[in-house]
Amino acid sequence: MKIEIWSDVMCPFCYIGKNNFEQALEKLPFKDEMEIVWKSFQLDPALDPKETKSTMEYFREKKGFPEVQAQQMMAQVSQMGKGAGIDFNFEKALITNTFSAHKLLHLAKKYNKANEMEEALFIAHFIEGKNVGDLETLVSLAESLGIDKEKAKQTLTSEEFDYEINQDILEARNNGVSGVPFFILNGKYAVSGAQPVELFENALQQTYNETVTPLKNLSDKGASCDTDGCEI
């Protein structure tokens, strides 16, 4: 059973959705039959990869939020994160272009370590306040997962996986995906947003029990991020 997940590193709801999805998966007897495929999505491809912004700066410039409103939103997301076992550190998080991070994710697929890399990128961005657009930072993450340092550097400084990333983004567009996280369960059902553990569990069980039919969304719109920002 194949699960495709569109996500972006700087989307907090993608991290929450990942944790809730994994908690649901652990409850199911067929968890070892799952093939998890991480797909690339960029919330803001126009960001300069050579620059970083604080979360507060980004909210102010991108959404026009006053500081109080931005702080309230971050507090809400932090509370949601705690429910999923995540201690967000928005004060340290650095917003930047994530294309290189997606390259590293695609490289990790070659080593069957995409899930571990997705987690490492989320931790680096949301917990440790690292620049996930920085070459040395990304090479270090690759090394931490046993991926060859020179291979990682070669990938990040070339056009390797550019096509694959753009195809993921095109596929998302063709599937009507405008926000992430977005899950397609065995080509049959869709789940959008950072849904509760119970919904993921029920959706996975239902998909497992049924034969393939046209794509149907099993959820109302959940908390997610799109190209205009994040909404709860």
C-alpha atoms as a PDB file:
ATOM      1  CA  MET A   1       0.000   0.000   0.000  1.00  0.00           C
ATOM      2  CA  LYS A   2       1.516   3.266  -1.182  1.00  0.00           C
ATOM      3  CA  ILE A   3       1.234   6.548   0.721  1.00  0.00           C
ATOM      4  CA  GLU A   4       2.373   9.718  -1.069  1.00  0.00           C
ATOM      5  CA  ILE A   5       2.949  12.815   1.088  1.00  0.00           C
ATOM      6  CA  TRP A   6       3.484  16.317  -0.278  1.00  0.00           C
ATOM      7  CA  SER A   7       5.308  18.502   2.229  1.00  0.00           C
ATOM      8  CA  ASP A   8       7.608  21.482   2.642  1.00  0.00           C
ATOM      9  CA  VAL A   9      10.291  21.799   5.305  1.00  0.00           C
ATOM     10  CA  MET A  10       9.141  25.200   6.574  1.00  0.00           C
ATOM     11  CA  CYS A  11       5.497  24.146   6.995  1.00  0.00           C
ATOM     12  CA  PRO A  12       4.756  23.538  10.700  1.00  0.00           C
ATOM     13  CA  PHE A  13       1.560  21.681   9.896  1.00  0.00           C
ATOM     14  CA  CYS A  14       3.557  19.275   7.737  1.00  0.00           C
ATOM     15  CA  TYR A  15       5.609  18.364  10.803  1.00  0.00           C
ATOM     16  CA  ILE A  16       2.468  17.970  12.922  1.00  0.00           C
ATOM     17  CA  GLY A  17       0.804  15.945  10.172  1.00  0.00           C
ATOM     18  CA  LYS A  18       3.856  13.696   9.876  1.00  0.00           C
ATOM     19  CA  ASN A  19       3.844  12.936  13.601  1.00  0.00           C
ATOM     20  CA  ASN A  20       0.093  12.305  13.729  1.00  0.00           C
ATOM     21  CA  PHE A  21       0.282  10.095  10.645  1.00  0.00           C
ATOM     22  CA  GLU A  22       3.133   8.072  12.145  1.00  0.00           C
ATOM     23  CA  GLN A  23       1.276   7.659  15.438  1.00  0.00           C
ATOM     24  CA  ALA A  24      -1.716   6.331  13.503  1.00  0.00           C
ATOM     25  CA  LEU A  25       0.472   3.983  11.516  1.00  0.00           C
ATOM     26  CA  GLU A  26       1.950   2.483  14.680  1.00  0.00           C
ATOM     27  CA  LYS A  27      -1.527   1.381  15.753  1.00  0.00           C
ATOM     28  CA  LEU A  28      -2.184  -0.641  12.613  1.00  0.00           C
ATOM     29  CA  PRO A  29      -1.213  -4.301  12.167  1.00  0.00           C
ATOM     30  CA  PHE A  30      -0.327  -3.763   8.493  1.00  0.00           C
ATOM     31  CA  LYS A  31       2.109  -0.893   9.107  1.00  0.00           C
ATOM     32  CA  ASP A  32       5.014  -2.865   7.625  1.00  0.00           C
ATOM     33  CA  GLU A  33       3.139  -3.137   4.324  1.00  0.00           C
ATOM     34  CA  MET A  34       3.202   0.624   3.817  1.00  0.00           C
ATOM     35  CA  GLU A  35       5.405   2.271   1.193  1.00  0.00           C
ATOM     36  CA  ILE A  36       5.855   5.923   2.207  1.00  0.00           C
ATOM     37  CA  VAL A  37       6.837   8.280  -0.626  1.00  0.00           C
ATOM     38  CA  TRP A  38       7.748  11.858   0.290  1.00  0.00           C
ATOM     39  CA  LYS A  39       6.977  14.431  -2.395  1.00  0.00           C
ATOM     40  CA  SER A  40       8.336  17.954  -2.759  1.00  0.00           C
ATOM     41  CA  PHE A  41       6.267  21.128  -2.496  1.00  0.00           C
ATOM     42  CA  GLN A  42       7.488  24.707  -2.163  1.00  0.00           C
ATOM     43  CA  LEU A  43       5.376  27.173  -0.241  1.00  0.00           C
ATOM     44  CA  ASP A  44       7.410  30.153  -1.401  1.00  0.00           C
ATOM     45  CA  PRO A  45       9.750  29.374  -4.301  1.00  0.00           C
ATOM     46  CA  ALA A  46      10.422  33.101  -4.757  1.00  0.00           C
ATOM     47  CA  LEU A  47      12.499  33.290  -1.573  1.00  0.00           C
ATOM     48  CA  ASP A  48      16.184  34.076  -2.095  1.00  0.00           C
ATOM     49  CA  PRO A  49      18.218  30.935  -1.231  1.00  0.00           C
ATOM     50  CA  LYS A  50      21.074  33.185  -0.085  1.00  0.00           C
ATOM     51  CA  GLU A  51      18.950  34.994   2.489  1.00  0.00           C
ATOM     52  CA  THR A  52      17.132  34.074   5.691  1.00  0.00           C
ATOM     53  CA  LYS A  53      14.347  35.773   7.594  1.00  0.00           C
ATOM     54  CA  SER A  54      12.996  35.266  11.081  1.00  0.00           C
ATOM     55  CA  THR A  55       9.495  33.831  11.301  1.00  0.00           C
ATOM     56  CA  MET A  56       8.252  37.188  12.587  1.00  0.00           C
ATOM     57  CA  GLU A  57       9.867  39.073   9.692  1.00  0.00           C
ATOM     58  CA  TYR A  58       8.384  36.650   7.211  1.00  0.00           C
ATOM     59  CA  PHE A  59       4.855  36.939   8.610  1.00  0.00           C
ATOM     60  CA  ARG A  60       5.117  40.718   8.568  1.00  0.00           C
ATOM     61  CA  GLU A  61       6.415  40.899   4.984  1.00  0.00           C
ATOM     62  CA  LYS A  62       4.443  38.028   3.438  1.00  0.00           C
ATOM     63  CA  LYS A  63       1.105  38.278   5.223  1.00  0.00           C
ATOM     64  CA  GLY A  64       1.196  41.811   6.574  1.00  0.00           C
ATOM     65  CA  PHE A  65       0.532  40.521  10.086  1.00  0.00           C
ATOM     66  CA  PRO A  66       1.161  42.875  13.005  1.00  0.00           C
ATOM     67  CA  GLU A  67       3.505  41.417  15.611  1.00  0.00           C
ATOM     68  CA  VAL A  68       0.737  40.615  18.099  1.00  0.00           C
ATOM     69  CA  GLN A  69      -1.244  38.642  15.531  1.00  0.00           C
ATOM     70  CA  ALA A  70       1.857  36.740  14.411  1.00  0.00           C
ATOM     71  CA  GLN A  71       2.696  35.870  18.002  1.00  0.00           C
ATOM     72  CA  GLN A  72      -0.840  34.630  18.609  1.00  0.00           C
ATOM     73  CA  MET A  73      -0.688  32.397  15.550  1.00  0.00           C
ATOM     74  CA  MET A  74       2.682  30.968  16.556  1.00  0.00           C
ATOM     75  CA  ALA A  75       1.330  30.283  20.031  1.00  0.00           C
ATOM     76  CA  GLN A  76      -1.628  28.401  18.545  1.00  0.00           C
ATOM     77  CA  VAL A  77       0.599  26.332  16.289  1.00  0.00           C
ATOM     78  CA  SER A  78       2.965  25.642  19.184  1.00  0.00           C
ATOM     79  CA  GLN A  79       0.036  24.324  21.201  1.00  0.00           C
ATOM     80  CA  MET A  80      -0.971  22.048  18.324  1.00  0.00           C
ATOM     81  CA  GLY A  81       2.635  20.928  18.086  1.00  0.00           C
ATOM     82  CA  LYS A  82       2.740  19.894  21.739  1.00  0.00           C
ATOM     83  CA  GLY A  83      -0.240  17.655  21.103  1.00  0.00           C
ATOM     84  CA  ALA A  84       1.800  15.920  18.409  1.00  0.00           C
ATOM     85  CA  GLY A  85       4.927  15.705  20.551  1.00  0.00           C
ATOM     86  CA  ILE A  86       6.726  18.669  18.967  1.00  0.00           C
ATOM     87  CA  ASP A  87       8.256  21.622  20.807  1.00  0.00           C
ATOM     88  CA  PHE A  88       8.406  24.276  18.106  1.00  0.00           C
ATOM     89  CA  ASN A  89      11.035  26.969  18.503  1.00  0.00           C
ATOM     90  CA  PHE A  90       9.700  29.662  16.178  1.00  0.00           C
ATOM     91  CA  GLU A  91      11.972  32.314  17.646  1.00  0.00           C
ATOM     92  CA  LYS A  92      14.991  30.485  16.215  1.00  0.00           C
ATOM     93  CA  ALA A  93      13.478  29.217  12.950  1.00  0.00           C
ATOM     94  CA  LEU A  94      15.044  30.699   9.811  1.00  0.00           C
ATOM     95  CA  ILE A  95      12.838  31.091   6.750  1.00  0.00           C
ATOM     96  CA  THR A  96      14.611  30.552   3.431  1.00  0.00           C
ATOM     97  CA  ASN A  97      14.215  28.893   0.032  1.00  0.00           C
ATOM     98  CA  THR A  98      13.801  25.131   0.535  1.00  0.00           C
ATOM     99  CA  PHE A  99      14.712  23.864  -2.938  1.00  0.00           C
ATOM    100  CA  SER A 100      18.116  22.572  -1.790  1.00  0.00           C
ATOM    101  CA  ALA A 101      16.499  20.826   1.163  1.00  0.00           C
ATOM    102  CA  HIS A 102      14.228  19.021  -1.280  1.00  0.00           C
ATOM    103  CA  LYS A 103      17.290  17.955  -3.274  1.00  0.00           C
ATOM    104  CA  LEU A 104      18.662  16.361  -0.138  1.00  0.00           C
ATOM    105  CA  LEU A 105      15.352  14.607   0.458  1.00  0.00           C
ATOM    106  CA  HIS A 106      15.436  13.113  -3.033  1.00  0.00           C
ATOM    107  CA  LEU A 107      19.028  12.003  -2.504  1.00  0.00           C
ATOM    108  CA  ALA A 108      17.992  10.335   0.741  1.00  0.00           C
ATOM    109  CA  LYS A 109      15.401   8.316  -1.192  1.00  0.00           C
ATOM    110  CA  LYS A 110      18.276   6.617  -2.999  1.00  0.00           C
ATOM    111  CA  TYR A 111      19.485   5.390   0.396  1.00  0.00           C
ATOM    112  CA  ASN A 112      15.972   4.457   1.625  1.00  0.00           C
ATOM    113  CA  LYS A 113      16.268   7.193   4.240  1.00  0.00           C
ATOM    114  CA  ALA A 114      13.701   9.718   3.034  1.00  0.00           C
ATOM    115  CA  ASN A 115      11.604   9.508   6.196  1.00  0.00           C
ATOM    116  CA  GLU A 116      14.661   9.966   8.402  1.00  0.00           C
ATOM    117  CA  MET A 117      15.779  12.921   6.281  1.00  0.00           C
ATOM    118  CA  GLU A 118      12.356  14.552   6.443  1.00  0.00           C
ATOM    119  CA  GLU A 119      12.485  14.310  10.233  1.00  0.00           C
ATOM    120  CA  ALA A 120      16.063  15.617  10.351  1.00  0.00           C
ATOM    121  CA  LEU A 121      15.126  18.623   8.215  1.00  0.00           C
ATOM    122  CA  PHE A 122      12.119  19.435  10.399  1.00  0.00           C
ATOM    123  CA  ILE A 123      14.250  19.253  13.541  1.00  0.00           C
ATOM    124  CA  ALA A 124      16.983  21.385  11.983  1.00  0.00           C
ATOM    125  CA  HIS A 125      14.491  24.046  10.905  1.00  0.00           C
ATOM    126  CA  PHE A 126      11.898  24.147  13.679  1.00  0.00           C
ATOM    127  CA  ILE A 127      13.840  23.019  16.745  1.00  0.00           C
ATOM    128  CA  GLU A 128      17.506  23.855  16.225  1.00  0.00           C
ATOM    129  CA  GLY A 129      17.107  27.036  14.178  1.00  0.00           C
ATOM    130  CA  LYS A 130      19.489  25.894  11.443  1.00  0.00           C
ATOM    131  CA  ASN A 131      19.510  27.311   7.933  1.00  0.00           C
ATOM    132  CA  VAL A 132      18.116  24.488   5.781  1.00  0.00           C
ATOM    133  CA  GLY A 133      19.191  26.342   2.664  1.00  0.00           C
ATOM    134  CA  ASP A 134      22.848  26.343   3.691  1.00  0.00           C
ATOM    135  CA  LEU A 135      25.176  23.916   1.896  1.00  0.00           C
ATOM    136  CA  GLU A 136      27.270  22.926   4.915  1.00  0.00           C
ATOM    137  CA  THR A 137      24.219  22.466   7.100  1.00  0.00           C
ATOM    138  CA  LEU A 138      22.628  20.144   4.550  1.00  0.00           C
ATOM    139  CA  VAL A 139      25.837  18.192   3.993  1.00  0.00           C
ATOM    140  CA  SER A 140      26.094  17.722   7.750  1.00  0.00           C
ATOM    141  CA  LEU A 141      22.534  16.371   7.872  1.00  0.00           C
ATOM    142  CA  ALA A 142      23.380  13.929   5.077  1.00  0.00           C
ATOM    143  CA  GLU A 143      26.466  12.735   6.948  1.00  0.00           C
ATOM    144  CA  SER A 144      24.443  12.236  10.133  1.00  0.00           C
ATOM    145  CA  LEU A 145      22.316   9.706   8.255  1.00  0.00           C
ATOM    146  CA  GLY A 146      25.273   7.885   6.761  1.00  0.00           C
ATOM    147  CA  ILE A 147      25.060   9.496   3.322  1.00  0.00           C
ATOM    148  CA  ASP A 148      28.405  10.147   1.669  1.00  0.00           C
ATOM    149  CA  LYS A 149      29.549  13.717   2.244  1.00  0.00           C
ATOM    150  CA  GLU A 150      30.966  14.226  -1.248  1.00  0.00           C
ATOM    151  CA  LYS A 151      27.877  12.758  -2.888  1.00  0.00           C
ATOM    152  CA  ALA A 152      25.679  15.127  -0.884  1.00  0.00           C
ATOM    153  CA  LYS A 153      27.836  18.116  -1.835  1.00  0.00           C
ATOM    154  CA  GLN A 154      27.819  17.092  -5.494  1.00  0.00           C
ATOM    155  CA  THR A 155      24.031  16.772  -5.467  1.00  0.00           C
ATOM    156  CA  LEU A 156      23.486  20.116  -3.783  1.00  0.00           C
ATOM    157  CA  THR A 157      25.781  22.005  -6.165  1.00  0.00           C
ATOM    158  CA  SER A 158      24.378  20.489  -9.364  1.00  0.00           C
ATOM    159  CA  GLU A 159      21.030  20.215 -11.112  1.00  0.00           C
ATOM    160  CA  GLU A 160      20.600  16.633  -9.949  1.00  0.00           C
ATOM    161  CA  PHE A 161      16.991  16.028  -8.833  1.00  0.00           C
ATOM    162  CA  ASP A 162      15.801  19.431 -10.134  1.00  0.00           C
ATOM    163  CA  TYR A 163      13.560  17.609 -12.600  1.00  0.00           C
ATOM    164  CA  GLU A 164      12.174  15.275  -9.924  1.00  0.00           C
ATOM    165  CA  ILE A 165      11.355  18.169  -7.592  1.00  0.00           C
ATOM    166  CA  ASN A 166       9.587  20.090 -10.331  1.00  0.00           C
ATOM    167  CA  GLN A 167       7.673  16.950 -11.322  1.00  0.00           C
ATOM    168  CA  ASP A 168       6.478  16.535  -7.735  1.00  0.00           C
ATOM    169  CA  ILE A 169       5.248  20.119  -7.736  1.00  0.00           C
ATOM    170  CA  LEU A 170       3.543  19.649 -11.122  1.00  0.00           C
ATOM    171  CA  GLU A 171       1.912  16.433  -9.930  1.00  0.00           C
ATOM    172  CA  ALA A 172       0.596  18.264  -6.887  1.00  0.00           C
ATOM    173  CA  ARG A 173      -0.873  20.953  -9.106  1.00  0.00           C
ATOM    174  CA  ASN A 174      -2.474  18.320 -11.351  1.00  0.00           C
ATOM    175  CA  ASN A 175      -4.033  16.698  -8.287  1.00  0.00           C
ATOM    176  CA  GLY A 176      -5.464  20.027  -7.177  1.00  0.00           C
ATOM    177  CA  VAL A 177      -3.081  20.329  -4.242  1.00  0.00           C
ATOM    178  CA  SER A 178      -2.776  23.959  -3.141  1.00  0.00           C
ATOM    179  CA  GLY A 179      -1.642  23.421   0.447  1.00  0.00           C
ATOM    180  CA  VAL A 180       0.384  20.975   2.471  1.00  0.00           C
ATOM    181  CA  PRO A 181       0.598  18.493   4.040  1.00  0.00           C
ATOM    182  CA  PHE A 182      -1.349  16.456   1.520  1.00  0.00           C
ATOM    183  CA  PHE A 183      -1.589  12.668   1.623  1.00  0.00           C
ATOM    184  CA  ILE A 184      -2.736  10.355  -1.161  1.00  0.00           C
ATOM    185  CA  LEU A 185      -3.515   6.883   0.124  1.00  0.00           C
ATOM    186  CA  ASN A 186      -2.848   4.168  -2.449  1.00  0.00           C
ATOM    187  CA  GLY A 187      -4.008   6.423  -5.277  1.00  0.00           C
ATOM    188  CA  LYS A 188      -7.529   6.121  -3.864  1.00  0.00           C
ATOM    189  CA  TYR A 189      -8.191   8.626  -1.110  1.00  0.00           C
ATOM    190  CA  ALA A 190      -6.824  12.017  -0.166  1.00  0.00           C
ATOM    191  CA  VAL A 191      -6.282  13.498   3.279  1.00  0.00           C
ATOM    192  CA  SER A 192      -5.374  17.180   3.489  1.00  0.00           C
ATOM    193  CA  GLY A 193      -3.910  19.069   6.406  1.00  0.00           C
ATOM    194  CA  ALA A 194      -2.568  18.120   9.828  1.00  0.00           C
ATOM    195  CA  GLN A 195      -5.445  15.844  10.752  1.00  0.00           C
ATOM    196  CA  PRO A 196      -5.873  14.082  14.126  1.00  0.00           C
ATOM    197  CA  VAL A 197      -4.366  10.646  14.706  1.00  0.00           C
ATOM    198  CA  GLU A 198      -7.810   9.038  14.697  1.00  0.00           C
ATOM    199  CA  LEU A 199      -8.672  10.347  11.240  1.00  0.00           C
ATOM    200  CA  PHE A 200      -5.403   9.057   9.797  1.00  0.00           C
ATOM    201  CA  GLU A 201      -5.960   5.695  11.453  1.00  0.00           C
ATOM    202  CA  ASN A 202      -9.487   5.361  10.071  1.00  0.00           C
ATOM    203  CA  ALA A 203      -8.441   6.552   6.607  1.00  0.00           C
ATOM    204  CA  LEU A 204      -5.559   4.089   6.421  1.00  0.00           C
ATOM    205  CA  GLN A 205      -7.753   1.232   7.623  1.00  0.00           C
ATOM    206  CA  GLN A 206     -10.482   2.094   5.132  1.00  0.00           C
ATOM    207  CA  THR A 207      -8.012   2.347   2.268  1.00  0.00           C
ATOM    208  CA  TYR A 208      -6.421  -0.948   3.228  1.00  0.00           C
ATOM    209  CA  ASN A 209      -9.797  -2.685   3.280  1.00  0.00           C
ATOM    210  CA  GLU A 210     -11.045  -1.437  -0.067  1.00  0.00           C
ATOM    211  CA  THR A 211     -10.118  -1.841  -3.681  1.00  0.00           C
ATOM    212  CA  VAL A 212      -8.922   1.089  -5.792  1.00  0.00           C
ATOM    213  CA  THR A 213     -11.621   3.616  -6.752  1.00  0.00           C
ATOM    214  CA  PRO A 214     -11.431   7.230  -7.957  1.00  0.00           C
ATOM    215  CA  LEU A 215      -9.691   9.668  -5.609  1.00  0.00           C
ATOM    216  CA  LYS A 216     -11.933  10.900  -2.801  1.00  0.00           C
ATOM    217  CA  ASN A 217     -11.067  13.366  -0.056  1.00  0.00           C
ATOM    218  CA  LEU A 218     -11.634  11.859   3.394  1.00  0.00           C
ATOM    219  CA  SER A 219     -11.227  15.130   5.271  1.00  0.00           C
ATOM    220  CA  ASP A 220     -12.429  18.674   5.453  1.00  0.00           C
ATOM    221  CA  LYS A 221      -9.676  21.195   4.990  1.00  0.00           C
ATOM    222  CA  GLY A 222      -7.312  20.912   7.954  1.00  0.00           C
ATOM    223  CA  ALA A 223      -4.607  23.211   9.227  1.00  0.00           C
ATOM    224  CA  SER A 224      -2.144  23.632   6.402  1.00  0.00           C
ATOM    225  CA  CYS A 225       0.199  26.026   4.637  1.00  0.00           C
ATOM    226  CA  ASP A 226      -0.151  27.312   1.105  1.00  0.00           C
ATOM    227  CA  THR A 227       1.643  29.857  -1.028  1.00  0.00           C
ATOM    228  CA  ASP A 228      -0.046  32.691   0.882  1.00  0.00           C
ATOM    229  CA  GLY A 229       0.992  31.435   4.308  1.00  0.00           C
ATOM    230  CA  CYS A 230      -0.314  29.184   7.090  1.00  0.00           C
ATOM    231  CA  GLU A 231      -3.850  28.989   8.402  1.00  0.00           C
ATOM    232  CA  ILE A 232      -5.433  27.054  11.219  1.00  0.00           C
END
